[in-house]
Protein backbone atom coordinates (compact mmCIF):
# COMPACT_ATOMS: atom_id res chain seq x y z
CA MET A 1 -27.60 -31.61 44.99
CA SER A 2 -24.64 -32.65 47.07
CA ALA A 3 -21.69 -30.42 47.84
CA THR A 4 -19.63 -32.12 45.14
CA THR A 5 -22.24 -31.91 42.41
CA GLY A 6 -23.43 -28.33 42.99
CA PRO A 7 -23.58 -25.71 40.25
CA ARG A 8 -19.94 -24.70 40.68
CA SER A 9 -18.47 -28.16 40.50
CA SER A 10 -18.84 -28.26 36.69
CA GLN A 11 -16.63 -25.16 36.41
CA ARG A 12 -13.74 -26.67 38.32
CA PRO A 13 -10.93 -28.17 36.30
CA GLN A 14 -10.91 -31.92 36.29
CA PRO A 15 -7.70 -33.91 36.77
CA ARG A 16 -6.11 -35.08 33.53
CA PRO A 17 -6.39 -38.82 32.98
CA ASP A 18 -2.65 -39.14 32.35
CA ARG A 19 -1.84 -37.46 35.70
CA PRO A 20 -4.40 -38.50 38.28
CA GLY A 21 -5.01 -35.94 40.99
CA ARG A 22 -2.95 -33.15 39.37
CA ARG A 23 -4.29 -29.99 37.82
CA PRO A 24 -2.73 -28.32 34.76
CA ALA A 25 0.14 -25.92 35.58
CA CYS A 26 -1.83 -22.83 34.57
CA ILE A 27 -4.46 -23.64 37.18
CA ARG A 28 -1.97 -24.64 39.93
CA THR A 29 -0.22 -21.27 39.72
CA GLY A 30 -3.38 -19.23 40.32
CA THR A 31 -5.69 -17.03 38.32
CA SER A 32 -3.63 -13.81 38.57
CA VAL A 33 -0.80 -15.37 36.58
CA GLY A 34 -3.27 -16.69 33.99
CA ARG A 35 -4.90 -13.26 33.69
CA ALA A 36 -1.50 -11.57 33.33
CA ALA A 37 -0.54 -13.99 30.56
CA ILE A 38 -3.83 -13.37 28.76
CA SER A 39 -3.33 -9.60 29.09
CA ILE A 40 0.14 -9.83 27.56
CA VAL A 41 -1.12 -11.96 24.66
CA LEU A 42 -4.00 -9.54 24.00
CA ALA A 43 -1.72 -6.47 24.19
CA THR A 44 0.72 -8.11 21.75
CA LEU A 45 -2.12 -9.00 19.39
CA LEU A 46 -3.56 -5.47 19.46
CA LEU A 47 -0.14 -3.93 18.86
CA SER A 48 0.54 -6.20 15.90
CA LEU A 49 -2.87 -5.44 14.40
CA SER A 50 -2.39 -1.69 14.79
CA LEU A 51 1.02 -1.84 13.13
CA SER A 52 -0.06 -4.12 10.30
CA GLY A 53 -1.21 -1.15 8.19
CA CYS A 54 2.15 0.65 8.44
CA GLY A 55 3.83 -1.17 5.58
CA SER A 56 2.75 -1.29 1.96
CA ASP A 57 3.96 -2.79 -1.27
CA GLN A 58 2.43 0.09 -3.19
CA PRO A 59 4.49 3.16 -4.05
CA ALA A 60 3.50 6.45 -2.44
CA GLY A 61 0.68 8.15 -4.27
CA SER A 62 -0.70 4.97 -5.82
CA ALA A 63 -4.36 4.09 -5.58
CA GLY A 64 -5.02 2.37 -2.29
CA SER A 65 -2.48 4.40 -0.39
CA ALA A 66 -4.02 5.68 2.82
CA THR A 67 -1.57 8.45 3.45
CA ALA A 68 -1.05 11.60 1.47
CA ALA A 69 2.38 12.16 -0.07
CA ALA A 70 3.73 15.66 0.56
CA SER A 71 4.98 16.75 -2.87
CA ALA A 72 5.83 15.55 -6.33
CA THR A 73 7.56 16.61 -9.51
CA PRO A 74 6.09 15.53 -12.84
CA LYS A 75 7.14 12.87 -15.26
CA ILE A 76 7.68 14.36 -18.72
CA GLU A 77 6.18 12.78 -21.87
CA ASN A 78 6.37 14.57 -25.23
CA GLY A 79 7.05 17.88 -23.49
CA VAL A 80 3.97 17.55 -21.22
CA GLN A 81 4.42 17.55 -17.44
CA ILE A 82 2.27 14.75 -16.01
CA PHE A 83 1.12 14.35 -12.43
CA ASP A 84 -0.69 11.30 -11.09
CA ILE A 85 -2.64 12.23 -7.97
CA VAL A 86 -4.99 10.22 -5.77
CA GLY A 87 -8.08 11.37 -3.93
CA THR A 88 -7.99 9.49 -0.64
CA ALA A 89 -10.69 8.22 1.70
CA SER A 90 -9.28 10.59 4.34
CA LEU A 91 -10.22 13.49 2.02
CA GLU A 92 -6.71 14.43 0.96
CA PHE A 93 -4.89 14.74 -2.32
CA SER A 94 -1.80 12.57 -2.60
CA PRO A 95 0.48 14.29 -3.35
CA SER A 96 -0.89 17.59 -2.11
CA THR A 97 1.91 19.75 -3.53
CA LEU A 98 2.80 19.65 -7.22
CA ILE A 99 6.00 21.33 -8.43
CA ALA A 100 6.26 22.13 -12.15
CA LYS A 101 7.82 24.49 -14.71
CA PRO A 102 5.76 26.84 -16.88
CA GLY A 103 4.14 24.97 -19.77
CA LYS A 104 1.63 22.24 -20.52
CA ILE A 105 0.50 20.15 -17.54
CA THR A 106 -1.68 17.04 -17.30
CA VAL A 107 -3.21 15.91 -14.02
CA ASN A 108 -4.48 12.32 -13.83
CA LEU A 109 -6.84 11.93 -10.88
CA THR A 110 -7.67 8.50 -9.45
CA VAL A 111 -9.70 7.70 -6.35
CA GLU A 112 -8.65 5.06 -3.86
CA ARG A 113 -10.98 2.17 -3.10
CA GLY A 114 -13.38 3.03 -0.29
CA SER A 115 -13.19 6.75 -0.98
CA PRO A 116 -16.07 8.98 -2.05
CA PRO A 117 -15.86 10.72 -5.47
CA HIS A 118 -13.46 13.66 -5.89
CA ASN A 119 -12.55 16.21 -8.51
CA PHE A 120 -9.56 18.45 -9.23
CA VAL A 121 -10.12 22.19 -9.76
CA ILE A 122 -7.74 25.16 -9.91
CA PRO A 123 -10.27 27.99 -9.43
CA THR A 124 -8.05 30.65 -11.08
CA ILE A 125 -7.54 28.59 -14.25
CA PRO A 126 -10.90 27.74 -15.91
CA ALA A 127 -9.35 24.98 -18.06
CA ALA A 128 -7.91 23.20 -14.99
CA ARG A 129 -10.99 21.23 -13.94
CA THR A 130 -11.92 17.55 -14.01
CA ASN A 131 -15.32 15.95 -13.84
CA TYR A 132 -15.99 13.87 -10.75
CA ALA A 133 -13.73 10.84 -10.44
CA SER A 134 -14.71 7.67 -8.60
CA THR A 135 -12.93 4.43 -7.82
CA ASP A 136 -13.75 2.97 -11.22
CA THR A 137 -13.72 6.23 -13.20
CA PRO A 138 -10.42 8.14 -13.16
CA ARG A 139 -10.31 11.62 -14.73
CA SER A 140 -7.63 13.70 -16.49
CA VAL A 141 -7.25 17.33 -17.41
CA THR A 142 -4.58 19.13 -19.49
CA PHE A 143 -3.97 22.85 -19.24
CA THR A 144 -1.17 25.38 -19.71
CA ILE A 145 0.34 27.75 -17.15
CA ASP A 146 2.92 30.27 -18.35
CA GLN A 147 3.30 32.41 -15.22
CA PRO A 148 5.34 31.34 -12.15
CA GLY A 149 3.41 31.32 -8.90
CA GLN A 150 1.36 29.24 -6.55
CA TYR A 151 -1.96 27.91 -7.78
CA PRO A 152 -4.18 26.37 -5.09
CA PHE A 153 -6.33 23.43 -6.15
CA VAL A 154 -9.36 21.92 -4.44
CA CYS A 155 -11.98 19.19 -4.60
CA THR A 156 -15.23 21.12 -4.92
CA ILE A 157 -17.15 18.25 -3.29
CA HIS A 158 -14.89 18.40 -0.21
CA PRO A 159 -13.70 22.05 0.10
CA SER A 160 -11.30 21.18 2.94
CA MET A 161 -9.47 18.89 0.47
CA ARG A 162 -6.78 21.22 -0.89
CA GLY A 163 -3.37 21.29 -2.50
CA THR A 164 -0.98 23.63 -4.29
CA LEU A 165 0.56 23.62 -7.76
CA THR A 166 3.80 25.59 -7.65
CA ILE A 167 5.16 26.86 -10.97
CA SER A 168 8.79 28.00 -10.79
């Protein structure tokens, strides 16, 4: 091998045919500038990817929502207070605090895609218990509470998954 055809010669940039003898600007300015530009592009790309999950077209508490809503009041249909809650992949109820009046309450439990099964249980109220819900199998339960107070609820599969029903 000659000095011009050695193993490193194939890695050197070749002059462009339209500009004989000149190297592209990115090579003329040196590798530190090229590396800095690549670092900036990569940092921008990583930042945009990390922020891409921050917005959503879905309302809070809808299936597919990755964050847990703090609290909710019910919608009322035929005198029944209705809560739609979601069991999330991060093992949270969304919303985790339900605020209602004494009376008949329905809880509709759905599970977001990618989440394991969940259930809804108020241990102090035997009638307030759903079967296990999965992504394709939502569950509902209707019960009555006449006394004001705070009623903790839990997923019995994931005991750290908790919330509170407040009756006022």
